[in-house]
Structure formats: C-alpha cells, structure tokens
Amino acid sequence: MSENLPACPKCSGEYTYAMDGLMVCPECGHEWTPDGGAAEAAERVVKDAVGNVLADGDTVTVVKALKVKGSPSGIKAGTKVRNIRLVDGVDGHDIDCKVDGFGAMQLKSSVVKKI
C-alpha cells in the first residue's frame, strides 16, 4: 500500500491504485478521478418518472404495477413509499426503501413519482 494514495470513497478500502489517470479500488471495483471524486458524488441528481428531483427522506408513489419475486401479487400502481434513501444501486436501482407489505427493497427512480 502506498501512503500517498487516498482510500476508496465508496467502501473505504485502503488498497487503491492509479490506472490510466483514474484511481481504482480492487476490493469493490469503484473507479474515480483523484481530484473530482467527491464532486462527482455531490453532483449526482436523481429524478423521478416525470422529472422531479428526488432527495433522501422524500415520499413517492409507484406509477406502474411492479412484479416482485416470491410474491403472488406485486406492488400496485399508486402505492405510497415513505422516507426513501438514494443509493448507487446495481442495474439502475437507485432508491432504497421499505414498502408496506413487502419489506425492504430497491426501486428504480423511473417507476416512482414524488408527492
């Protein structure tokens, strides 16, 4: 480990290395620029299905019916979801929340509308 390289901003891994002008974390695979890593996270804007900007703690409604694995019925359109948290999820799932009757899950911002 080199003493002058920063820790990974995503997982705080200490084994980062430089590659082609980027910093790379071998533990989580995150890549960032050494001078703008914090600025990129601050500039990230998540918008709902109609273009409203979302923030942590917002209340949203689901705009279309969603199928849920392992459940005979899915989440119905119009279901209210309170106290969302924005995350960098996989496959575009950028909202972390709890849905009544289904528990904790991640949703895509393109299937919700801010109230």
PDB file of N, CA and C in Angstrom:
ATOM      1  N   MET A   1       0.844  -1.178   0.000  1.00  0.00           N
ATOM      2  CA  MET A   1       0.000   0.000   0.000  1.00  0.00           C
ATOM      3  C   MET A   1       0.886   1.237   0.000  1.00  0.00           C
ATOM      4  N   SER A   2       0.549   2.171  -0.851  1.00  0.00           N
ATOM      5  CA  SER A   2       1.297   3.417  -0.901  1.00  0.00           C
ATOM      6  C   SER A   2       0.649   4.428   0.038  1.00  0.00           C
ATOM      7  N   GLU A   3       1.465   5.163   0.752  1.00  0.00           N
ATOM      8  CA  GLU A   3       0.953   6.091   1.758  1.00  0.00           C
ATOM      9  C   GLU A   3       0.278   7.314   1.153  1.00  0.00           C
ATOM     10  N   ASN A   4       0.598   7.686  -0.089  1.00  0.00           N
ATOM     11  CA  ASN A   4       0.054   8.902  -0.661  1.00  0.00           C
ATOM     12  C   ASN A   4      -1.229   8.690  -1.459  1.00  0.00           C
ATOM     13  N   LEU A   5      -1.728   7.499  -1.573  1.00  0.00           N
ATOM     14  CA  LEU A   5      -2.971   7.245  -2.307  1.00  0.00           C
ATOM     15  C   LEU A   5      -4.164   7.292  -1.358  1.00  0.00           C
ATOM     16  N   PRO A   6      -5.265   7.931  -1.795  1.00  0.00           N
ATOM     17  CA  PRO A   6      -6.437   8.040  -0.925  1.00  0.00           C
ATOM     18  C   PRO A   6      -7.190   6.715  -0.807  1.00  0.00           C
ATOM     19  N   ALA A   7      -7.967   6.591   0.258  1.00  0.00           N
ATOM     20  CA  ALA A   7      -8.825   5.418   0.438  1.00  0.00           C
ATOM     21  C   ALA A   7     -10.012   5.525  -0.516  1.00  0.00           C
ATOM     22  N   CYS A   8     -10.625   4.407  -0.815  1.00  0.00           N
ATOM     23  CA  CYS A   8     -11.784   4.371  -1.714  1.00  0.00           C
ATOM     24  C   CYS A   8     -12.947   5.149  -1.084  1.00  0.00           C
ATOM     25  N   PRO A   9     -13.571   6.091  -1.826  1.00  0.00           N
ATOM     26  CA  PRO A   9     -14.693   6.848  -1.271  1.00  0.00           C
ATOM     27  C   PRO A   9     -15.970   6.017  -1.134  1.00  0.00           C
ATOM     28  N   LYS A  10     -16.027   4.884  -1.809  1.00  0.00           N
ATOM     29  CA  LYS A  10     -17.243   4.063  -1.763  1.00  0.00           C
ATOM     30  C   LYS A  10     -17.211   3.052  -0.620  1.00  0.00           C
ATOM     31  N   CYS A  11     -16.090   2.323  -0.482  1.00  0.00           N
ATOM     32  CA  CYS A  11     -16.032   1.265   0.536  1.00  0.00           C
ATOM     33  C   CYS A  11     -14.948   1.518   1.585  1.00  0.00           C
ATOM     34  N   SER A  12     -14.205   2.605   1.470  1.00  0.00           N
ATOM     35  CA  SER A  12     -13.107   2.961   2.369  1.00  0.00           C
ATOM     36  C   SER A  12     -11.956   1.954   2.323  1.00  0.00           C
ATOM     37  N   GLY A  13     -11.850   1.226   1.223  1.00  0.00           N
ATOM     38  CA  GLY A  13     -10.755   0.272   1.057  1.00  0.00           C
ATOM     39  C   GLY A  13      -9.429   0.998   0.952  1.00  0.00           C
ATOM     40  N   GLU A  14      -8.391   0.429   1.530  1.00  0.00           N
ATOM     41  CA  GLU A  14      -7.096   1.104   1.581  1.00  0.00           C
ATOM     42  C   GLU A  14      -6.135   0.644   0.498  1.00  0.00           C
ATOM     43  N   TYR A  15      -6.500  -0.335  -0.323  1.00  0.00           N
ATOM     44  CA  TYR A  15      -5.594  -0.885  -1.325  1.00  0.00           C
ATOM     45  C   TYR A  15      -5.838  -0.294  -2.705  1.00  0.00           C
ATOM     46  N   THR A  16      -6.032   1.014  -2.792  1.00  0.00           N
ATOM     47  CA  THR A  16      -6.291   1.657  -4.071  1.00  0.00           C
ATOM     48  C   THR A  16      -5.009   1.781  -4.887  1.00  0.00           C
ATOM     49  N   TYR A  17      -5.182   1.923  -6.215  1.00  0.00           N
ATOM     50  CA  TYR A  17      -4.032   2.118  -7.091  1.00  0.00           C
ATOM     51  C   TYR A  17      -4.440   3.013  -8.257  1.00  0.00           C
ATOM     52  N   ALA A  18      -3.460   3.615  -8.905  1.00  0.00           N
ATOM     53  CA  ALA A  18      -3.702   4.501 -10.040  1.00  0.00           C
ATOM     54  C   ALA A  18      -3.600   3.704 -11.337  1.00  0.00           C
ATOM     55  N   MET A  19      -4.538   3.993 -12.286  1.00  0.00           N
ATOM     56  CA  MET A  19      -4.516   3.323 -13.579  1.00  0.00           C
ATOM     57  C   MET A  19      -5.132   4.253 -14.622  1.00  0.00           C
ATOM     58  N   ASP A  20      -4.355   4.639 -15.623  1.00  0.00           N
ATOM     59  CA  ASP A  20      -4.825   5.489 -16.722  1.00  0.00           C
ATOM     60  C   ASP A  20      -5.490   6.770 -16.243  1.00  0.00           C
ATOM     61  N   GLY A  21      -4.930   7.420 -15.251  1.00  0.00           N
ATOM     62  CA  GLY A  21      -5.468   8.681 -14.758  1.00  0.00           C
ATOM     63  C   GLY A  21      -6.634   8.533 -13.790  1.00  0.00           C
ATOM     64  N   LEU A  22      -7.024   7.304 -13.475  1.00  0.00           N
ATOM     65  CA  LEU A  22      -8.105   7.044 -12.524  1.00  0.00           C
ATOM     66  C   LEU A  22      -7.549   6.352 -11.292  1.00  0.00           C
ATOM     67  N   MET A  23      -8.271   6.488 -10.205  1.00  0.00           N
ATOM     68  CA  MET A  23      -7.977   5.703  -9.010  1.00  0.00           C
ATOM     69  C   MET A  23      -8.919   4.504  -9.038  1.00  0.00           C
ATOM     70  N   VAL A  24      -8.427   3.331  -8.661  1.00  0.00           N
ATOM     71  CA  VAL A  24      -9.207   2.100  -8.721  1.00  0.00           C
ATOM     72  C   VAL A  24      -9.129   1.398  -7.378  1.00  0.00           C
ATOM     73  N   CYS A  25     -10.264   0.887  -6.914  1.00  0.00           N
ATOM     74  CA  CYS A  25     -10.310   0.092  -5.691  1.00  0.00           C
ATOM     75  C   CYS A  25     -10.477  -1.379  -6.081  1.00  0.00           C
ATOM     76  N   PRO A  26      -9.510  -2.236  -5.767  1.00  0.00           N
ATOM     77  CA  PRO A  26      -9.632  -3.645  -6.132  1.00  0.00           C
ATOM     78  C   PRO A  26     -10.650  -4.407  -5.276  1.00  0.00           C
ATOM     79  N   GLU A  27     -11.054  -3.826  -4.152  1.00  0.00           N
ATOM     80  CA  GLU A  27     -11.999  -4.508  -3.270  1.00  0.00           C
ATOM     81  C   GLU A  27     -13.435  -4.422  -3.781  1.00  0.00           C
ATOM     82  N   CYS A  28     -13.846  -3.225  -4.252  1.00  0.00           N
ATOM     83  CA  CYS A  28     -15.231  -3.072  -4.715  1.00  0.00           C
ATOM     84  C   CYS A  28     -15.329  -2.748  -6.198  1.00  0.00           C
ATOM     85  N   GLY A  29     -14.180  -2.450  -6.849  1.00  0.00           N
ATOM     86  CA  GLY A  29     -14.182  -2.162  -8.277  1.00  0.00           C
ATOM     87  C   GLY A  29     -14.528  -0.720  -8.628  1.00  0.00           C
ATOM     88  N   HIS A  30     -14.669   0.136  -7.634  1.00  0.00           N
ATOM     89  CA  HIS A  30     -15.026   1.540  -7.871  1.00  0.00           C
ATOM     90  C   HIS A  30     -13.866   2.279  -8.520  1.00  0.00           C
ATOM     91  N   GLU A  31     -14.174   3.121  -9.536  1.00  0.00           N
ATOM     92  CA  GLU A  31     -13.168   3.942 -10.192  1.00  0.00           C
ATOM     93  C   GLU A  31     -13.566   5.399 -10.053  1.00  0.00           C
ATOM     94  N   TRP A  32     -12.597   6.291  -9.807  1.00  0.00           N
ATOM     95  CA  TRP A  32     -12.881   7.703  -9.675  1.00  0.00           C
ATOM     96  C   TRP A  32     -11.653   8.500 -10.047  1.00  0.00           C
ATOM     97  N   THR A  33     -11.866   9.786 -10.322  1.00  0.00           N
ATOM     98  CA  THR A  33     -10.739  10.663 -10.594  1.00  0.00           C
ATOM     99  C   THR A  33     -10.224  11.189  -9.269  1.00  0.00           C
ATOM    100  N   PRO A  34      -8.924  11.274  -9.093  1.00  0.00           N
ATOM    101  CA  PRO A  34      -8.389  11.674  -7.797  1.00  0.00           C
ATOM    102  C   PRO A  34      -8.774  13.094  -7.384  1.00  0.00           C
ATOM    103  N   ASP A  35      -8.976  14.000  -8.344  1.00  0.00           N
ATOM    104  CA  ASP A  35      -9.306  15.378  -7.990  1.00  0.00           C
ATOM    105  C   ASP A  35     -10.804  15.644  -7.909  1.00  0.00           C
ATOM    106  N   GLY A  36     -11.639  14.824  -8.522  1.00  0.00           N
ATOM    107  CA  GLY A  36     -13.069  15.115  -8.539  1.00  0.00           C
ATOM    108  C   GLY A  36     -13.943  14.028  -7.970  1.00  0.00           C
ATOM    109  N   GLY A  37     -13.401  13.140  -7.177  1.00  0.00           N
ATOM    110  CA  GLY A  37     -14.196  12.041  -6.633  1.00  0.00           C
ATOM    111  C   GLY A  37     -15.332  12.510  -5.753  1.00  0.00           C
ATOM    112  N   ALA A  38     -15.075  13.472  -4.881  1.00  0.00           N
ATOM    113  CA  ALA A  38     -16.121  13.989  -4.000  1.00  0.00           C
ATOM    114  C   ALA A  38     -17.101  14.853  -4.766  1.00  0.00           C
ATOM    115  N   ALA A  39     -16.627  15.566  -5.778  1.00  0.00           N
ATOM    116  CA  ALA A  39     -17.502  16.434  -6.564  1.00  0.00           C
ATOM    117  C   ALA A  39     -18.491  15.605  -7.383  1.00  0.00           C
ATOM    118  N   GLU A  40     -18.069  14.441  -7.891  1.00  0.00           N
ATOM    119  CA  GLU A  40     -18.966  13.595  -8.667  1.00  0.00           C
ATOM    120  C   GLU A  40     -20.138  13.114  -7.818  1.00  0.00           C
ATOM    121  N   ALA A  41     -19.879  12.732  -6.583  1.00  0.00           N
ATOM    122  CA  ALA A  41     -20.946  12.246  -5.710  1.00  0.00           C
ATOM    123  C   ALA A  41     -21.912  13.371  -5.370  1.00  0.00           C
ATOM    124  N   ALA A  42     -21.395  14.588  -5.186  1.00  0.00           N
ATOM    125  CA  ALA A  42     -22.252  15.715  -4.834  1.00  0.00           C
ATOM    126  C   ALA A  42     -23.091  16.169  -6.020  1.00  0.00           C
ATOM    127  N   GLU A  43     -22.609  15.981  -7.252  1.00  0.00           N
ATOM    128  CA  GLU A  43     -23.326  16.424  -8.442  1.00  0.00           C
ATOM    129  C   GLU A  43     -24.405  15.443  -8.887  1.00  0.00           C
ATOM    130  N   ARG A  44     -24.424  14.257  -8.372  1.00  0.00           N
ATOM    131  CA  ARG A  44     -25.382  13.234  -8.802  1.00  0.00           C
ATOM    132  C   ARG A  44     -26.802  13.674  -8.486  1.00  0.00           C
ATOM    133  N   VAL A  45     -27.644  13.723  -9.506  1.00  0.00           N
ATOM    134  CA  VAL A  45     -29.035  14.137  -9.352  1.00  0.00           C
ATOM    135  C   VAL A  45     -29.916  12.973  -9.795  1.00  0.00           C
ATOM    136  N   VAL A  46     -30.864  12.598  -8.946  1.00  0.00           N
ATOM    137  CA  VAL A  46     -31.789  11.517  -9.265  1.00  0.00           C
ATOM    138  C   VAL A  46     -33.154  12.132  -9.493  1.00  0.00           C
ATOM    139  N   LYS A  47     -33.766  11.811 -10.642  1.00  0.00           N
ATOM    140  CA  LYS A  47     -35.073  12.355 -10.978  1.00  0.00           C
ATOM    141  C   LYS A  47     -36.102  11.230 -11.073  1.00  0.00           C
ATOM    142  N   ASP A  48     -37.359  11.563 -10.756  1.00  0.00           N
ATOM    143  CA  ASP A  48     -38.426  10.570 -10.824  1.00  0.00           C
ATOM    144  C   ASP A  48     -38.941  10.438 -12.258  1.00  0.00           C
ATOM    145  N   ALA A  49     -40.037   9.715 -12.447  1.00  0.00           N
ATOM    146  CA  ALA A  49     -40.575   9.422 -13.766  1.00  0.00           C
ATOM    147  C   ALA A  49     -41.016  10.669 -14.532  1.00  0.00           C
ATOM    148  N   VAL A  50     -41.366  11.740 -13.840  1.00  0.00           N
ATOM    149  CA  VAL A  50     -41.833  12.956 -14.514  1.00  0.00           C
ATOM    150  C   VAL A  50     -40.818  14.089 -14.448  1.00  0.00           C
ATOM    151  N   GLY A  51     -39.624  13.836 -13.927  1.00  0.00           N
ATOM    152  CA  GLY A  51     -38.563  14.824 -13.938  1.00  0.00           C
ATOM    153  C   GLY A  51     -38.352  15.599 -12.660  1.00  0.00           C
ATOM    154  N   ASN A  52     -39.083  15.298 -11.597  1.00  0.00           N
ATOM    155  CA  ASN A  52     -38.861  15.968 -10.314  1.00  0.00           C
ATOM    156  C   ASN A  52     -37.582  15.438  -9.676  1.00  0.00           C
ATOM    157  N   VAL A  53     -36.813  16.314  -9.059  1.00  0.00           N
ATOM    158  CA  VAL A  53     -35.571  15.909  -8.388  1.00  0.00           C
ATOM    159  C   VAL A  53     -35.920  15.265  -7.048  1.00  0.00           C
ATOM    160  N   LEU A  54     -35.343  14.087  -6.798  1.00  0.00           N
ATOM    161  CA  LEU A  54     -35.591  13.356  -5.556  1.00  0.00           C
ATOM    162  C   LEU A  54     -34.478  13.607  -4.557  1.00  0.00           C
ATOM    163  N   ALA A  55     -34.817  13.516  -3.267  1.00  0.00           N
ATOM    164  CA  ALA A  55     -33.844  13.669  -2.186  1.00  0.00           C
ATOM    165  C   ALA A  55     -34.139  12.637  -1.109  1.00  0.00           C
ATOM    166  N   ASP A  56     -33.154  12.396  -0.254  1.00  0.00           N
ATOM    167  CA  ASP A  56     -33.346  11.474   0.863  1.00  0.00           C
ATOM    168  C   ASP A  56     -34.517  11.947   1.725  1.00  0.00           C
ATOM    169  N   GLY A  57     -35.366  11.016   2.147  1.00  0.00           N
ATOM    170  CA  GLY A  57     -36.482  11.338   3.025  1.00  0.00           C
ATOM    171  C   GLY A  57     -37.767  11.687   2.307  1.00  0.00           C
ATOM    172  N   ASP A  58     -37.746  11.781   0.980  1.00  0.00           N
ATOM    173  CA  ASP A  58     -38.961  12.111   0.222  1.00  0.00           C
ATOM    174  C   ASP A  58     -39.977  10.979   0.292  1.00  0.00           C
ATOM    175  N   THR A  59     -41.232  11.333   0.014  1.00  0.00           N
ATOM    176  CA  THR A  59     -42.305  10.358  -0.127  1.00  0.00           C
ATOM    177  C   THR A  59     -42.673  10.293  -1.597  1.00  0.00           C
ATOM    178  N   VAL A  60     -42.786   9.082  -2.128  1.00  0.00           N
ATOM    179  CA  VAL A  60     -43.096   8.886  -3.539  1.00  0.00           C
ATOM    180  C   VAL A  60     -44.234   7.882  -3.685  1.00  0.00           C
ATOM    181  N   THR A  61     -44.850   7.861  -4.879  1.00  0.00           N
ATOM    182  CA  THR A  61     -45.827   6.829  -5.211  1.00  0.00           C
ATOM    183  C   THR A  61     -45.317   6.049  -6.414  1.00  0.00           C
ATOM    184  N   VAL A  62     -45.674   4.790  -6.472  1.00  0.00           N
ATOM    185  CA  VAL A  62     -45.297   3.933  -7.590  1.00  0.00           C
ATOM    186  C   VAL A  62     -46.238   4.241  -8.746  1.00  0.00           C
ATOM    187  N   VAL A  63     -45.694   4.480  -9.956  1.00  0.00           N
ATOM    188  CA  VAL A  63     -46.530   4.887 -11.087  1.00  0.00           C
ATOM    189  C   VAL A  63     -47.018   3.730 -11.946  1.00  0.00           C
ATOM    190  N   LYS A  64     -46.431   2.551 -11.790  1.00  0.00           N
ATOM    191  CA  LYS A  64     -46.923   1.396 -12.538  1.00  0.00           C
ATOM    192  C   LYS A  64     -46.780   0.143 -11.692  1.00  0.00           C
ATOM    193  N   ALA A  65     -47.591  -0.848 -11.982  1.00  0.00           N
ATOM    194  CA  ALA A  65     -47.559  -2.096 -11.220  1.00  0.00           C
ATOM    195  C   ALA A  65     -46.206  -2.788 -11.407  1.00  0.00           C
ATOM    196  N   LEU A  66     -45.660  -3.299 -10.300  1.00  0.00           N
ATOM    197  CA  LEU A  66     -44.354  -3.958 -10.331  1.00  0.00           C
ATOM    198  C   LEU A  66     -44.479  -5.392  -9.847  1.00  0.00           C
ATOM    199  N   LYS A  67     -43.838  -6.305 -10.553  1.00  0.00           N
ATOM    200  CA  LYS A  67     -43.806  -7.697 -10.122  1.00  0.00           C
ATOM    201  C   LYS A  67     -42.699  -7.841  -9.081  1.00  0.00           C
ATOM    202  N   VAL A  68     -42.965  -8.670  -8.068  1.00  0.00           N
ATOM    203  CA  VAL A  68     -41.979  -8.921  -7.014  1.00  0.00           C
ATOM    204  C   VAL A  68     -41.752 -10.422  -6.947  1.00  0.00           C
ATOM    205  N   LYS A  69     -40.477 -10.828  -7.036  1.00  0.00           N
ATOM    206  CA  LYS A  69     -40.153 -12.254  -6.968  1.00  0.00           C
ATOM    207  C   LYS A  69     -40.613 -12.831  -5.643  1.00  0.00           C
ATOM    208  N   GLY A  70     -41.221 -14.003  -5.686  1.00  0.00           N
ATOM    209  CA  GLY A  70     -41.642 -14.689  -4.474  1.00  0.00           C
ATOM    210  C   GLY A  70     -42.953 -14.194  -3.901  1.00  0.00           C
ATOM    211  N   SER A  71     -43.611 -13.293  -4.592  1.00  0.00           N
ATOM    212  CA  SER A  71     -44.881 -12.765  -4.107  1.00  0.00           C
ATOM    213  C   SER A  71     -45.967 -13.017  -5.160  1.00  0.00           C
ATOM    214  N   PRO A  72     -47.107 -13.553  -4.738  1.00  0.00           N
ATOM    215  CA  PRO A  72     -48.174 -13.811  -5.713  1.00  0.00           C
ATOM    216  C   PRO A  72     -48.750 -12.520  -6.296  1.00  0.00           C
ATOM    217  N   SER A  73     -48.734 -11.453  -5.520  1.00  0.00           N
ATOM    218  CA  SER A  73     -49.183 -10.158  -6.032  1.00  0.00           C
ATOM    219  C   SER A  73     -48.016  -9.195  -5.963  1.00  0.00           C
ATOM    220  N   GLY A  74     -47.934  -8.304  -6.909  1.00  0.00           N
ATOM    221  CA  GLY A  74     -46.843  -7.345  -6.931  1.00  0.00           C
ATOM    222  C   GLY A  74     -47.225  -6.065  -6.214  1.00  0.00           C
ATOM    223  N   ILE A  75     -46.437  -5.043  -6.424  1.00  0.00           N
ATOM    224  CA  ILE A  75     -46.721  -3.728  -5.875  1.00  0.00           C
ATOM    225  C   ILE A  75     -47.643  -3.021  -6.850  1.00  0.00           C
ATOM    226  N   LYS A  76     -48.779  -2.561  -6.361  1.00  0.00           N
ATOM    227  CA  LYS A  76     -49.771  -1.921  -7.219  1.00  0.00           C
ATOM    228  C   LYS A  76     -49.387  -0.477  -7.509  1.00  0.00           C
ATOM    229  N   ALA A  77     -49.814   0.012  -8.667  1.00  0.00           N
ATOM    230  CA  ALA A  77     -49.612   1.419  -9.005  1.00  0.00           C
ATOM    231  C   ALA A  77     -50.351   2.273  -7.983  1.00  0.00           C
ATOM    232  N   GLY A  78     -49.756   3.347  -7.540  1.00  0.00           N
ATOM    233  CA  GLY A  78     -50.355   4.211  -6.543  1.00  0.00           C
ATOM    234  C   GLY A  78     -49.922   3.909  -5.124  1.00  0.00           C
ATOM    235  N   THR A  79     -49.123   2.878  -4.924  1.00  0.00           N
ATOM    236  CA  THR A  79     -48.626   2.545  -3.590  1.00  0.00           C
ATOM    237  C   THR A  79     -47.688   3.645  -3.113  1.00  0.00           C
ATOM    238  N   LYS A  80     -47.916   4.126  -1.903  1.00  0.00           N
ATOM    239  CA  LYS A  80     -47.105   5.200  -1.341  1.00  0.00           C
ATOM    240  C   LYS A  80     -45.901   4.608  -0.622  1.00  0.00           C
ATOM    241  N   VAL A  81     -44.735   5.180  -0.874  1.00  0.00           N
ATOM    242  CA  VAL A  81     -43.487   4.759  -0.245  1.00  0.00           C
ATOM    243  C   VAL A  81     -42.910   5.975   0.470  1.00  0.00           C
ATOM    244  N   ARG A  82     -42.737   5.863   1.770  1.00  0.00           N
ATOM    245  CA  ARG A  82     -42.252   6.983   2.584  1.00  0.00           C
ATOM    246  C   ARG A  82     -40.769   6.830   2.914  1.00  0.00           C
ATOM    247  N   ASN A  83     -40.129   7.976   3.135  1.00  0.00           N
ATOM    248  CA  ASN A  83     -38.767   8.040   3.640  1.00  0.00           C
ATOM    249  C   ASN A  83     -37.777   7.246   2.781  1.00  0.00           C
ATOM    250  N   ILE A  84     -37.672   7.614   1.504  1.00  0.00           N
ATOM    251  CA  ILE A  84     -36.737   6.930   0.605  1.00  0.00           C
ATOM    252  C   ILE A  84     -35.313   7.366   0.903  1.00  0.00           C
ATOM    253  N   ARG A  85     -34.365   6.542   0.469  1.00  0.00           N
ATOM    254  CA  ARG A  85     -32.945   6.874   0.587  1.00  0.00           C
ATOM    255  C   ARG A  85     -32.306   6.629  -0.769  1.00  0.00           C
ATOM    256  N   LEU A  86     -31.574   7.606  -1.289  1.00  0.00           N
ATOM    257  CA  LEU A  86     -30.922   7.480  -2.584  1.00  0.00           C
ATOM    258  C   LEU A  86     -29.593   6.768  -2.423  1.00  0.00           C
ATOM    259  N   VAL A  87     -29.360   5.774  -3.281  1.00  0.00           N
ATOM    260  CA  VAL A  87     -28.136   4.972  -3.222  1.00  0.00           C
ATOM    261  C   VAL A  87     -27.604   4.756  -4.633  1.00  0.00           C
ATOM    262  N   ASP A  88     -26.362   4.289  -4.726  1.00  0.00           N
ATOM    263  CA  ASP A  88     -25.789   3.868  -6.006  1.00  0.00           C
ATOM    264  C   ASP A  88     -26.017   2.366  -6.121  1.00  0.00           C
ATOM    265  N   GLY A  89     -27.194   1.979  -6.573  1.00  0.00           N
ATOM    266  CA  GLY A  89     -27.527   0.560  -6.656  1.00  0.00           C
ATOM    267  C   GLY A  89     -27.086  -0.056  -7.967  1.00  0.00           C
ATOM    268  N   VAL A  90     -27.290  -1.344  -8.089  1.00  0.00           N
ATOM    269  CA  VAL A  90     -26.959  -2.058  -9.312  1.00  0.00           C
ATOM    270  C   VAL A  90     -28.158  -2.058 -10.250  1.00  0.00           C
ATOM    271  N   ASP A  91     -27.886  -2.133 -11.544  1.00  0.00           N
ATOM    272  CA  ASP A  91     -28.918  -2.197 -12.585  1.00  0.00           C
ATOM    273  C   ASP A  91     -29.891  -1.023 -12.536  1.00  0.00           C
ATOM    274  N   GLY A  92     -29.445   0.146 -12.127  1.00  0.00           N
ATOM    275  CA  GLY A  92     -30.303   1.325 -12.128  1.00  0.00           C
ATOM    276  C   GLY A  92     -31.225   1.452 -10.939  1.00  0.00           C
ATOM    277  N   HIS A  93     -31.149   0.557  -9.985  1.00  0.00           N
ATOM    278  CA  HIS A  93     -31.961   0.643  -8.772  1.00  0.00           C
ATOM    279  C   HIS A  93     -31.307   1.654  -7.840  1.00  0.00           C
ATOM    280  N   ASP A  94     -31.829   2.877  -7.831  1.00  0.00           N
ATOM    281  CA  ASP A  94     -31.171   3.942  -7.091  1.00  0.00           C
ATOM    282  C   ASP A  94     -31.967   4.452  -5.897  1.00  0.00           C
ATOM    283  N   ILE A  95     -33.036   3.759  -5.523  1.00  0.00           N
ATOM    284  CA  ILE A  95     -33.824   4.124  -4.344  1.00  0.00           C
ATOM    285  C   ILE A  95     -33.874   2.933  -3.400  1.00  0.00           C
ATOM    286  N   ASP A  96     -33.503   3.160  -2.158  1.00  0.00           N
ATOM    287  CA  ASP A  96     -33.572   2.140  -1.111  1.00  0.00           C
ATOM    288  C   ASP A  96     -34.746   2.524  -0.212  1.00  0.00           C
ATOM    289  N   CYS A  97     -35.675   1.597   0.039  1.00  0.00           N
ATOM    290  CA  CYS A  97     -36.881   1.953   0.792  1.00  0.00           C
ATOM    291  C   CYS A  97     -37.511   0.716   1.428  1.00  0.00           C
ATOM    292  N   LYS A  98     -38.550   0.976   2.213  1.00  0.00           N
ATOM    293  CA  LYS A  98     -39.375  -0.094   2.770  1.00  0.00           C
ATOM    294  C   LYS A  98     -40.781   0.102   2.232  1.00  0.00           C
ATOM    295  N   VAL A  99     -41.324  -0.935   1.621  1.00  0.00           N
ATOM    296  CA  VAL A  99     -42.675  -0.888   1.071  1.00  0.00           C
ATOM    297  C   VAL A  99     -43.571  -1.692   1.998  1.00  0.00           C
ATOM    298  N   ASP A 100     -44.654  -1.071   2.455  1.00  0.00           N
ATOM    299  CA  ASP A 100     -45.582  -1.755   3.354  1.00  0.00           C
ATOM    300  C   ASP A 100     -46.074  -3.049   2.717  1.00  0.00           C
ATOM    301  N   GLY A 101     -45.981  -4.136   3.446  1.00  0.00           N
ATOM    302  CA  GLY A 101     -46.424  -5.437   2.967  1.00  0.00           C
ATOM    303  C   GLY A 101     -45.359  -6.216   2.222  1.00  0.00           C
ATOM    304  N   PHE A 102     -44.237  -5.568   1.863  1.00  0.00           N
ATOM    305  CA  PHE A 102     -43.181  -6.242   1.113  1.00  0.00           C
ATOM    306  C   PHE A 102     -41.825  -6.162   1.799  1.00  0.00           C
ATOM    307  N   GLY A 103     -41.609  -5.153   2.635  1.00  0.00           N
ATOM    308  CA  GLY A 103     -40.338  -5.010   3.335  1.00  0.00           C
ATOM    309  C   GLY A 103     -39.342  -4.158   2.580  1.00  0.00           C
ATOM    310  N   ALA A 104     -38.076  -4.306   2.934  1.00  0.00           N
ATOM    311  CA  ALA A 104     -37.017  -3.502   2.337  1.00  0.00           C
ATOM    312  C   ALA A 104     -36.726  -3.956   0.916  1.00  0.00           C
ATOM    313  N   MET A 105     -36.541  -3.001   0.023  1.00  0.00           N
ATOM    314  CA  MET A 105     -36.204  -3.305  -1.366  1.00  0.00           C
ATOM    315  C   MET A 105     -35.631  -2.077  -2.041  1.00  0.00           C
ATOM    316  N   GLN A 106     -35.123  -2.276  -3.243  1.00  0.00           N
ATOM    317  CA  GLN A 106     -34.609  -1.179  -4.045  1.00  0.00           C
ATOM    318  C   GLN A 106     -35.513  -0.997  -5.253  1.00  0.00           C
ATOM    319  N   LEU A 107     -35.753   0.269  -5.606  1.00  0.00           N
ATOM    320  CA  LEU A 107     -36.591   0.609  -6.753  1.00  0.00           C
ATOM    321  C   LEU A 107     -35.811   1.484  -7.713  1.00  0.00           C
ATOM    322  N   LYS A 108     -36.256   1.527  -8.939  1.00  0.00           N
ATOM    323  CA  LYS A 108     -35.702   2.446  -9.924  1.00  0.00           C
ATOM    324  C   LYS A 108     -36.453   3.759  -9.822  1.00  0.00           C
ATOM    325  N   SER A 109     -35.746   4.854  -9.985  1.00  0.00           N
ATOM    326  CA  SER A 109     -36.396   6.165  -9.903  1.00  0.00           C
ATOM    327  C   SER A 109     -37.365   6.375 -11.062  1.00  0.00           C
ATOM    328  N   SER A 110     -37.235   5.626 -12.141  1.00  0.00           N
ATOM    329  CA  SER A 110     -38.113   5.792 -13.293  1.00  0.00           C
ATOM    330  C   SER A 110     -39.514   5.210 -13.074  1.00  0.00           C
ATOM    331  N   VAL A 111     -39.741   4.507 -11.971  1.00  0.00           N
ATOM    332  CA  VAL A 111     -41.071   3.932 -11.712  1.00  0.00           C
ATOM    333  C   VAL A 111     -41.773   4.589 -10.530  1.00  0.00           C
ATOM    334  N   VAL A 112     -41.250   5.737 -10.051  1.00  0.00           N
ATOM    335  CA  VAL A 112     -41.884   6.429  -8.941  1.00  0.00           C
ATOM    336  C   VAL A 112     -42.125   7.894  -9.303  1.00  0.00           C
ATOM    337  N   LYS A 113     -43.039   8.515  -8.565  1.00  0.00           N
ATOM    338  CA  LYS A 113     -43.341   9.929  -8.736  1.00  0.00           C
ATOM    339  C   LYS A 113     -43.353  10.581  -7.374  1.00  0.00           C
ATOM    340  N   LYS A 114     -42.671  11.720  -7.249  1.00  0.00           N
ATOM    341  CA  LYS A 114     -42.594  12.451  -5.979  1.00  0.00           C
ATOM    342  C   LYS A 114     -43.951  13.053  -5.651  1.00  0.00           C
ATOM    343  N   ILE A 115     -44.323  12.981  -4.372  1.00  0.00           N
ATOM    344  CA  ILE A 115     -45.602  13.559  -3.935  1.00  0.00           C
ATOM    345  C   ILE A 115     -45.372  14.992  -3.535  1.00  0.00           C
TER     346      ILE A 115
END
